[in-house]
């Protein structure tokens, strides 16, 4: 290879994988014993491996596979045009999936993000720099704050489903507690204490949309009293009405640092309009990963001043798009953050690189990693959460090395599952017969 030639992509694999999970509850139901993801692996003519991770499901898997003809034999220097080509191939298709009454749906933009991550990983390895240096203004910090993501947990062991029963041999109480039922404020506090001892979290988020609003705000209040210096929030995923959200959250000044999607669309008004009214009525900062999830929605959110903290998950915005959101936040006096779903360590590396490149004011990023860490990995030395932070070194690319033995094991688990997509209603129906998702009703208020 001549010195002025950049490597070309010589191979591509899309591998659906699965890992273990707890019976985490949310407005959409309950997490199944296994979560699924799609792993993209690219190889170039220099012998480098680039990886990207996306949510599970056949729609995303097939969308990633569509990139094959766009990338094979292409120079990695054409990164931007390859990403753009895949994005244009599915333009507007995602909008067809909105508004169908489903809690979980598969978006083709997730495939674009996985491709971009894998290409950036290759480019970083070729240039000898971390991915963060290839985003926005480059790498701005050596570590990224992440929060302790707490959940009400159902008793999966009372169902016939194959829930994990504590991960043995890992030497910390957290690995037992994460698989036990947690339905009271005290159990949430025990979760937080174990997670803080294991990972050093400074901030916490409680997933709501499960119990009545009064019970959930009681839990977050007890959490705040236990950790008075933590930035704490609650996320009911829009389960509360506007009036209920105002009534509940007016009592949470000094308890929560911000409210994440306390309410959503109702009575013909969009979620952006309703959040603007909530923000005006309570004076609380508002975060969202539900009503400002693409550039069109973000434009309306800005005009209405309905959001203070856009949670720009790189899987839904792409890595470069998430950093662009941080630039927008800096220009408009907002704070940048990121949402997450269950994920492997490849995604954790993606989050970390984006967080290291985000400009302006940031808040601790969401991550589900503590629910998977220890028995669901795809890399040899996964990124670690220490003192509530993920370090971002100058290692090239995403800074990770794929472990094909672990990938093959995760793929074998996936192949044994009856379906590849996420379906939180299925697990919940083992707790409540004929349970159905209702976007304006907490999961257990039936």
Protein backbone atom coordinates (compact mmCIF):
# COMPACT_ATOMS: atom_id res chain seq x y z
CA UNK A 1 0.00 0.00 0.00
CA UNK A 2 1.42 3.36 -1.04
CA UNK A 3 1.90 5.93 1.72
CA UNK A 4 -0.83 8.17 0.33
CA UNK A 5 -3.40 5.40 0.02
CA UNK A 6 -6.00 4.94 2.71
CA UNK A 7 -7.17 1.41 3.53
CA UNK A 8 -10.19 -0.05 1.78
CA UNK A 9 -12.97 -2.01 3.39
CA UNK A 10 -12.54 -5.69 2.59
CA UNK A 11 -15.06 -7.41 4.82
CA UNK A 12 -18.35 -6.83 6.64
CA UNK A 13 -20.34 -8.94 9.08
CA UNK A 14 -23.62 -8.22 10.86
CA UNK A 15 -24.08 -10.44 13.91
CA UNK A 16 -27.21 -10.36 16.09
CA UNK A 17 -26.26 -10.98 19.73
CA UNK A 18 -28.03 -11.33 23.08
CA UNK A 19 -27.12 -10.87 26.74
CA UNK A 20 -28.69 -11.31 30.18
CA UNK A 21 -31.01 -8.81 31.81
CA UNK A 22 -33.12 -8.30 34.92
CA UNK A 23 -36.90 -7.79 35.05
CA UNK A 24 -36.61 -4.02 34.80
CA UNK A 25 -40.00 -2.29 34.78
CA UNK A 26 -41.06 0.72 32.72
CA UNK A 27 -44.20 2.17 31.16
CA UNK A 28 -43.87 -0.32 28.30
CA UNK A 29 -43.87 -3.38 30.54
CA UNK A 30 -40.90 -5.42 31.73
CA UNK A 31 -37.54 -6.30 30.27
CA UNK A 32 -37.22 -9.90 29.15
CA UNK A 33 -34.51 -12.20 30.55
CA UNK A 34 -32.42 -11.43 27.48
CA UNK A 35 -31.81 -8.22 25.54
CA UNK A 36 -30.74 -8.22 21.89
CA UNK A 37 -28.39 -6.04 19.87
CA UNK A 38 -26.87 -5.99 16.40
CA UNK A 39 -23.08 -5.95 16.07
CA UNK A 40 -21.41 -4.63 12.91
CA UNK A 41 -17.83 -5.69 12.19
CA UNK A 42 -15.82 -4.13 9.35
CA UNK A 43 -12.32 -5.17 8.26
CA UNK A 44 -10.00 -3.09 6.08
CA UNK A 45 -7.00 -3.80 3.88
CA UNK A 46 -4.63 -2.68 6.64
CA UNK A 47 -5.89 -5.50 8.86
CA UNK A 48 -7.82 -3.24 11.22
CA UNK A 49 -11.22 -4.17 12.69
CA UNK A 50 -13.93 -1.55 13.16
CA UNK A 51 -17.06 -2.20 15.21
CA UNK A 52 -20.41 -0.59 15.84
CA UNK A 53 -23.42 -1.63 17.94
CA UNK A 54 -27.12 -1.01 17.40
CA UNK A 55 -30.37 -2.09 19.07
CA UNK A 56 -31.66 -5.55 18.20
CA UNK A 57 -34.32 -6.57 15.74
CA UNK A 58 -34.57 -7.67 12.14
CA UNK A 59 -35.42 -4.23 10.74
CA UNK A 60 -32.16 -2.79 12.03
CA UNK A 61 -30.21 -5.93 11.11
CA UNK A 62 -31.45 -5.80 7.52
CA UNK A 63 -30.87 -2.06 7.33
CA UNK A 64 -27.23 -2.51 8.35
CA UNK A 65 -26.83 -5.28 5.80
CA UNK A 66 -27.99 -2.85 3.10
CA UNK A 67 -24.71 -1.02 3.66
CA UNK A 68 -22.68 -3.91 2.24
CA UNK A 69 -22.81 -2.74 -1.36
CA UNK A 70 -22.11 0.82 -0.21
CA UNK A 71 -18.91 0.04 1.70
CA UNK A 72 -17.10 -3.01 0.31
CA UNK A 73 -13.97 -1.98 -1.61
CA UNK A 74 -14.50 1.67 -0.63
CA UNK A 75 -11.72 3.73 0.93
CA UNK A 76 -12.36 4.48 4.60
CA UNK A 77 -11.60 8.09 3.61
CA UNK A 78 -15.11 8.14 2.09
CA UNK A 79 -16.58 7.70 5.56
CA UNK A 80 -18.96 10.63 5.35
CA UNK A 81 -20.36 9.77 1.93
CA UNK A 82 -20.88 6.11 2.92
CA UNK A 83 -22.79 7.11 6.04
CA UNK A 84 -24.83 9.63 4.08
CA UNK A 85 -25.68 7.06 1.42
CA UNK A 86 -27.11 4.63 3.95
CA UNK A 87 -29.00 7.42 5.67
CA UNK A 88 -30.52 8.60 2.40
CA UNK A 89 -31.52 5.03 1.49
CA UNK A 90 -33.91 4.97 4.44
CA UNK A 91 -34.84 8.64 4.62
CA UNK A 92 -38.35 9.26 5.99
CA UNK A 93 -38.92 5.53 6.48
CA UNK A 94 -38.61 5.84 10.26
CA UNK A 95 -41.48 8.31 10.42
CA UNK A 96 -43.79 5.53 9.23
CA UNK A 97 -43.12 3.67 12.48
CA UNK A 98 -44.20 6.51 14.78
CA UNK A 99 -47.64 6.80 16.31
CA UNK A 100 -48.67 3.14 16.04
CA UNK A 101 -49.19 2.65 19.75
CA UNK A 102 -46.04 0.59 20.32
CA UNK A 103 -43.61 1.24 23.14
CA UNK A 104 -40.65 -0.24 21.25
CA UNK A 105 -39.98 0.18 17.57
CA UNK A 106 -36.95 -0.30 15.36
CA UNK A 107 -35.52 2.76 13.64
CA UNK A 108 -33.33 2.55 10.57
CA UNK A 109 -31.23 5.46 11.83
CA UNK A 110 -29.81 2.97 14.35
CA UNK A 111 -28.21 1.15 11.42
CA UNK A 112 -26.65 4.40 10.22
CA UNK A 113 -25.17 5.02 13.67
CA UNK A 114 -23.67 1.52 13.80
CA UNK A 115 -22.06 2.02 10.39
CA UNK A 116 -20.66 5.41 11.34
CA UNK A 117 -19.23 3.99 14.58
CA UNK A 118 -17.48 1.14 12.77
CA UNK A 119 -16.06 3.48 10.11
CA UNK A 120 -14.88 5.97 12.72
CA UNK A 121 -13.26 3.09 14.60
CA UNK A 122 -11.34 2.15 11.44
CA UNK A 123 -10.41 5.75 10.68
CA UNK A 124 -9.20 6.34 14.22
CA UNK A 125 -7.01 3.24 14.05
CA UNK A 126 -5.60 4.32 10.69
CA UNK A 127 -4.78 7.82 11.98
CA UNK A 128 -3.74 6.67 15.44
CA UNK A 129 -6.27 8.85 17.29
CA UNK A 130 -9.39 8.18 19.39
CA UNK A 131 -12.78 8.59 17.72
CA UNK A 132 -13.42 11.67 19.85
CA UNK A 133 -10.72 13.49 17.87
CA UNK A 134 -12.77 12.91 14.70
CA UNK A 135 -15.95 14.48 16.10
CA UNK A 136 -16.86 18.16 16.52
CA UNK A 137 -13.97 20.09 18.05
CA UNK A 138 -12.06 16.93 18.92
CA UNK A 139 -11.45 15.29 22.27
CA UNK A 140 -12.24 17.78 25.06
CA UNK A 141 -12.07 15.60 28.19
CA UNK A 142 -10.31 12.47 29.41
CA UNK A 143 -13.33 11.01 31.20
CA UNK A 144 -17.11 11.14 30.94
CA UNK A 145 -19.56 11.24 33.87
CA UNK A 146 -22.27 8.57 33.86
CA UNK A 147 -25.18 8.12 36.26
CA UNK A 148 -26.55 5.21 38.24
CA UNK A 149 -29.68 4.12 36.35
CA UNK A 150 -32.13 2.69 38.89
CA UNK A 151 -35.29 0.67 38.18
CA UNK A 152 -38.25 -0.82 39.90
CA UNK A 153 -37.63 -4.54 39.37
CA UNK A 154 -40.30 -7.22 39.12
CA UNK A 155 -39.96 -10.68 40.61
CA UNK A 156 -38.95 -12.53 37.49
CA UNK A 157 -38.27 -15.65 39.52
CA UNK A 158 -42.03 -16.05 40.03
CA UNK A 159 -42.46 -16.40 36.28
CA UNK A 160 -41.50 -19.33 34.02
CA UNK A 161 -39.06 -17.04 32.21
CA UNK A 162 -35.32 -17.67 32.44
CA UNK A 163 -34.24 -14.66 34.49
CA UNK A 164 -30.72 -14.52 35.87
CA UNK A 165 -30.46 -15.48 39.56
CA UNK A 166 -27.47 -13.40 40.58
CA UNK A 167 -24.08 -13.59 38.92
CA UNK A 168 -21.80 -15.72 41.03
CA UNK A 169 -18.08 -15.20 41.41
CA UNK A 170 -18.02 -11.44 40.81
CA UNK A 171 -17.47 -10.59 44.45
CA UNK A 172 -19.88 -7.71 45.03
CA UNK A 173 -23.40 -7.50 46.43
CA UNK A 174 -24.57 -5.48 43.43
CA UNK A 175 -24.55 -8.60 41.23
CA UNK A 176 -27.06 -10.25 43.55
CA UNK A 177 -29.27 -7.22 44.18
CA UNK A 178 -29.75 -6.41 40.49
CA UNK A 179 -31.68 -9.65 40.00
CA UNK A 180 -33.97 -9.30 43.02
CA UNK A 181 -37.39 -7.64 43.16
CA UNK A 182 -37.32 -3.93 44.06
CA UNK A 183 -40.72 -2.28 44.43
CA UNK A 184 -40.32 0.03 47.45
CA UNK A 185 -38.33 3.20 48.18
CA UNK A 186 -36.08 1.25 50.55
CA UNK A 187 -35.26 -1.32 47.87
CA UNK A 188 -34.45 1.47 45.42
CA UNK A 189 -32.11 2.99 47.99
CA UNK A 190 -30.44 -0.41 48.51
CA UNK A 191 -29.95 -0.60 44.74
CA UNK A 192 -28.38 2.84 44.71
CA UNK A 193 -26.10 2.13 47.67
CA UNK A 194 -24.78 -1.08 46.12
CA UNK A 195 -24.35 0.55 42.71
CA UNK A 196 -22.53 3.53 44.19
CA UNK A 197 -20.22 1.25 46.18
CA UNK A 198 -19.44 -0.78 43.05
CA UNK A 199 -19.19 2.03 40.47
CA UNK A 200 -18.79 5.26 42.44
CA UNK A 201 -21.80 7.04 40.94
CA UNK A 202 -22.31 10.68 41.89
CA UNK A 203 -25.74 11.00 40.20
CA UNK A 204 -28.85 8.83 39.92
CA UNK A 205 -31.87 8.43 37.70
CA UNK A 206 -34.99 6.47 38.63
CA UNK A 207 -37.06 4.99 35.84
CA UNK A 208 -40.71 5.72 36.55
CA UNK A 209 -43.91 5.03 34.66
CA UNK A 210 -44.45 1.90 36.78
CA UNK A 211 -46.33 2.77 39.98
CA UNK A 212 -48.69 5.62 40.82
CA UNK A 213 -46.96 8.99 40.60
CA UNK A 214 -47.16 9.58 44.36
CA UNK A 215 -45.31 6.33 45.04
CA UNK A 216 -42.59 7.11 42.53
CA UNK A 217 -42.02 10.64 43.80
CA UNK A 218 -41.83 9.22 47.33
CA UNK A 219 -39.09 6.87 46.13
CA UNK A 220 -37.07 9.63 44.49
CA UNK A 221 -37.49 11.81 47.58
CA UNK A 222 -36.11 9.07 49.83
CA UNK A 223 -33.30 8.60 47.33
CA UNK A 224 -32.44 12.29 47.54
CA UNK A 225 -32.45 12.22 51.34
CA UNK A 226 -30.03 9.30 51.24
CA UNK A 227 -27.77 10.96 48.66
CA UNK A 228 -28.29 14.71 49.24
CA UNK A 229 -25.31 15.74 47.09
CA UNK A 230 -26.34 13.70 44.05
CA UNK A 231 -28.02 15.16 40.98
CA UNK A 232 -31.13 12.99 40.96
CA UNK A 233 -33.97 12.77 38.47
CA UNK A 234 -37.03 10.67 37.65
CA UNK A 235 -38.21 9.55 34.21
CA UNK A 236 -41.84 8.36 33.93
CA UNK A 237 -41.65 8.42 30.12
CA UNK A 238 -44.61 10.78 29.78
CA UNK A 239 -46.93 8.58 31.87
CA UNK A 240 -48.32 11.51 33.88
CA UNK A 241 -50.85 14.01 32.64
CA UNK A 242 -49.76 17.65 32.56
CA UNK A 243 -51.84 18.52 35.63
CA UNK A 244 -50.59 15.48 37.53
CA UNK A 245 -46.97 16.20 36.58
CA UNK A 246 -47.25 19.80 37.77
CA UNK A 247 -48.83 18.74 41.06
CA UNK A 248 -46.24 16.02 41.69
CA UNK A 249 -43.17 17.93 40.59
CA UNK A 250 -43.99 21.20 42.34
CA UNK A 251 -43.15 19.22 45.47
CA UNK A 252 -39.80 18.09 44.09
CA UNK A 253 -37.91 21.39 44.04
CA UNK A 254 -34.62 20.73 45.77
CA UNK A 255 -35.16 16.98 45.31
CA UNK A 256 -34.62 16.47 41.59
CA UNK A 257 -32.11 18.37 39.47
CA UNK A 258 -34.40 18.14 36.44
CA UNK A 259 -37.49 16.24 35.30
CA UNK A 260 -37.18 13.85 32.38
CA UNK A 261 -40.31 13.48 30.24
CA UNK A 262 -42.72 13.95 33.16
CA UNK A 263 -45.62 14.29 30.72
CA UNK A 264 -46.27 14.04 27.00
CA UNK A 265 -48.74 14.62 24.22
CA UNK A 266 -52.38 14.99 25.30
CA UNK A 267 -55.66 16.56 24.21
CA UNK A 268 -54.36 17.30 20.72
CA UNK A 269 -51.20 19.05 21.93
CA UNK A 270 -47.76 17.68 21.09
CA UNK A 271 -45.30 16.51 23.72
CA UNK A 272 -43.20 19.59 23.00
CA UNK A 273 -46.14 21.91 23.72
CA UNK A 274 -47.04 20.05 26.91
CA UNK A 275 -43.45 20.06 28.20
CA UNK A 276 -43.26 23.81 27.52
CA UNK A 277 -46.33 24.31 29.70
CA UNK A 278 -44.88 22.06 32.41
CA UNK A 279 -41.57 23.93 32.36
CA UNK A 280 -43.35 27.30 32.64
CA UNK A 281 -45.66 26.11 35.44
CA UNK A 282 -43.02 24.47 37.63
CA UNK A 283 -39.77 26.28 36.84
CA UNK A 284 -38.00 22.91 36.77
CA UNK A 285 -35.47 22.12 34.02
CA UNK A 286 -36.76 19.50 31.58
CA UNK A 287 -34.88 16.69 29.85
CA UNK A 288 -36.22 14.52 27.03
CA UNK A 289 -35.43 11.57 24.86
CA UNK A 290 -39.02 11.37 23.59
CA UNK A 291 -40.04 14.67 21.98
CA UNK A 292 -36.81 16.05 20.51
CA UNK A 293 -35.26 12.99 18.89
CA UNK A 294 -34.44 14.32 15.42
CA UNK A 295 -33.66 17.68 13.82
CA UNK A 296 -37.25 18.46 12.83
CA UNK A 297 -38.51 17.85 16.37
CA UNK A 298 -35.55 19.73 17.83
CA UNK A 299 -36.41 22.81 15.78
CA UNK A 300 -39.92 22.91 17.26
CA UNK A 301 -38.60 22.23 20.77
CA UNK A 302 -36.28 25.22 20.41
CA UNK A 303 -39.06 27.51 19.19
CA UNK A 304 -41.26 26.49 22.13
CA UNK A 305 -38.37 26.52 24.63
CA UNK A 306 -39.76 23.23 25.92
CA UNK A 307 -36.48 21.44 26.69
CA UNK A 308 -33.40 22.27 28.75
CA UNK A 309 -31.52 18.98 28.33
CA UNK A 310 -31.83 17.06 25.04
CA UNK A 311 -30.68 13.48 25.65
CA UNK A 312 -28.96 12.81 22.35
CA UNK A 313 -28.28 9.08 22.27
CA UNK A 314 -25.69 8.47 19.50
CA UNK A 315 -27.58 5.33 18.45
CA UNK A 316 -30.50 7.53 17.40
CA UNK A 317 -28.64 10.67 16.36
CA UNK A 318 -25.42 9.03 15.08
CA UNK A 319 -22.15 9.88 16.82
CA UNK A 320 -21.51 13.01 14.78
CA UNK A 321 -25.16 14.06 15.11
CA UNK A 322 -25.07 13.73 18.90
CA UNK A 323 -22.03 16.01 19.04
CA UNK A 324 -23.82 18.47 16.76
CA UNK A 325 -26.65 18.51 19.29
CA UNK A 326 -24.11 19.50 21.96
CA UNK A 327 -23.00 22.38 19.75
CA UNK A 328 -26.63 23.43 19.40
CA UNK A 329 -27.04 23.25 23.17
CA UNK A 330 -24.01 25.46 23.69
CA UNK A 331 -25.40 28.05 21.27
CA UNK A 332 -28.83 28.09 22.92
CA UNK A 333 -27.87 27.90 26.59
CA UNK A 334 -28.96 24.29 27.06
CA UNK A 335 -27.26 21.29 28.66
CA UNK A 336 -26.35 18.18 26.67
CA UNK A 337 -26.87 14.58 27.79
CA UNK A 338 -27.55 11.13 26.40
CA UNK A 339 -30.22 8.46 26.84
CA UNK A 340 -29.54 4.72 26.67
CA UNK A 341 -31.11 1.28 26.41
CA UNK A 342 -29.65 -2.07 27.41
CA UNK A 343 -26.33 -2.42 25.62
CA UNK A 344 -23.02 -4.21 25.38
CA UNK A 345 -19.56 -2.72 25.93
CA UNK A 346 -19.20 -1.60 22.29
CA UNK A 347 -22.01 0.88 22.90
CA UNK A 348 -20.40 2.00 26.15
CA UNK A 349 -17.28 2.88 24.16
CA UNK A 350 -19.43 4.76 21.63
CA UNK A 351 -21.12 6.76 24.44
CA UNK A 352 -17.76 7.57 25.99
CA UNK A 353 -16.19 8.86 22.77
CA UNK A 354 -19.20 11.06 22.03
CA UNK A 355 -19.24 12.36 25.60
CA UNK A 356 -15.54 13.19 25.36
CA UNK A 357 -16.20 15.29 22.25
CA UNK A 358 -19.40 17.02 23.41
CA UNK A 359 -18.97 20.78 23.77
CA UNK A 360 -20.42 23.08 26.40
CA UNK A 361 -22.30 22.08 29.52
CA UNK A 362 -23.02 18.36 29.92
CA UNK A 363 -24.90 16.23 32.43
CA UNK A 364 -24.01 12.69 33.51
CA UNK A 365 -24.91 10.27 30.72
CA UNK A 366 -27.40 7.43 30.97
CA UNK A 367 -26.05 3.91 30.72
CA UNK A 368 -27.58 0.51 31.45
CA UNK A 369 -24.11 -1.05 31.67
CA UNK A 370 -24.34 -1.83 35.39
CA UNK A 371 -27.24 -4.19 34.58
CA UNK A 372 -25.12 -6.09 32.03
CA UNK A 373 -21.55 -5.67 33.29
CA UNK A 374 -19.88 -8.87 34.44
CA UNK A 375 -21.64 -11.39 32.20
CA UNK A 376 -22.50 -9.70 28.90
CA UNK A 377 -19.42 -8.44 27.08
CA UNK A 378 -18.15 -8.48 23.50
CA UNK A 379 -14.66 -7.00 24.02
CA UNK A 380 -11.50 -8.24 25.73
CA UNK A 381 -11.17 -5.41 28.23
CA UNK A 382 -14.48 -3.52 28.42
CA UNK A 383 -14.49 0.14 29.45
CA UNK A 384 -14.94 0.46 33.19
CA UNK A 385 -17.04 2.78 35.33
CA UNK A 386 -14.81 4.02 38.14
CA UNK A 387 -15.75 6.85 40.48
CA UNK A 388 -18.83 7.46 38.32
CA UNK A 389 -16.77 8.04 35.19
CA UNK A 390 -15.66 6.22 32.05
CA UNK A 391 -12.09 7.05 31.05
CA UNK A 392 -11.38 8.02 27.43
CA UNK A 393 -7.73 7.41 26.69
CA UNK A 394 -5.75 8.24 23.56
CA UNK A 395 -6.04 4.64 22.34
CA UNK A 396 -6.94 4.72 18.64
CA UNK A 397 -10.49 4.30 17.40
CA UNK A 398 -13.10 3.32 19.95
CA UNK A 399 -10.31 2.07 22.21
CA UNK A 400 -11.67 -1.49 22.39
CA UNK A 401 -10.70 -4.89 21.02
CA UNK A 402 -13.45 -7.25 19.93
CA UNK A 403 -13.46 -10.73 21.49
CA UNK A 404 -14.82 -13.10 18.85
CA UNK A 405 -15.24 -15.95 21.33
CA UNK A 406 -17.59 -13.76 23.37
CA UNK A 407 -19.35 -12.58 20.21
CA UNK A 408 -19.97 -16.16 19.12
CA UNK A 409 -21.36 -17.03 22.55
CA UNK A 410 -23.68 -14.00 22.48
CA UNK A 411 -24.80 -14.96 18.97
CA UNK A 412 -25.51 -18.51 20.13
CA UNK A 413 -27.72 -17.12 22.90
CA UNK A 414 -29.53 -14.98 20.33
CA UNK A 415 -30.21 -17.96 18.07
CA UNK A 416 -32.00 -19.75 20.91
CA UNK A 417 -34.45 -16.89 21.47
CA UNK A 418 -37.95 -17.13 19.95
CA UNK A 419 -37.82 -13.54 18.65
CA UNK A 420 -35.04 -11.03 18.08
CA UNK A 421 -36.87 -7.77 18.66
CA UNK A 422 -37.70 -6.20 22.01
CA UNK A 423 -41.15 -6.86 23.45
CA UNK A 424 -41.64 -5.55 27.00
CA UNK A 425 -45.35 -6.45 26.95
CA UNK A 426 -44.58 -10.17 26.76
CA UNK A 427 -42.73 -10.30 30.08
CA UNK A 428 -45.28 -8.05 31.80
CA UNK A 429 -48.11 -10.40 30.80
CA UNK A 430 -46.59 -12.97 33.16
CA UNK A 431 -47.32 -10.53 36.00
CA UNK A 432 -50.67 -9.18 34.79
CA UNK A 433 -52.76 -11.34 32.48
CA UNK A 434 -53.70 -9.68 29.16
CA UNK A 435 -51.63 -6.60 30.04
CA UNK A 436 -51.49 -4.00 27.27
CA UNK A 437 -49.31 -0.94 26.79
CA UNK A 438 -50.94 2.43 27.46
CA UNK A 439 -48.70 5.47 26.89
CA UNK A 440 -50.62 7.51 29.50
CA UNK A 441 -50.87 4.90 32.23
CA UNK A 442 -48.09 3.58 34.50
CA UNK A 443 -47.44 -0.10 33.96
CA UNK A 444 -48.78 -1.43 37.28
CA UNK A 445 -51.78 0.90 37.74
CA UNK A 446 -54.22 -1.59 36.28
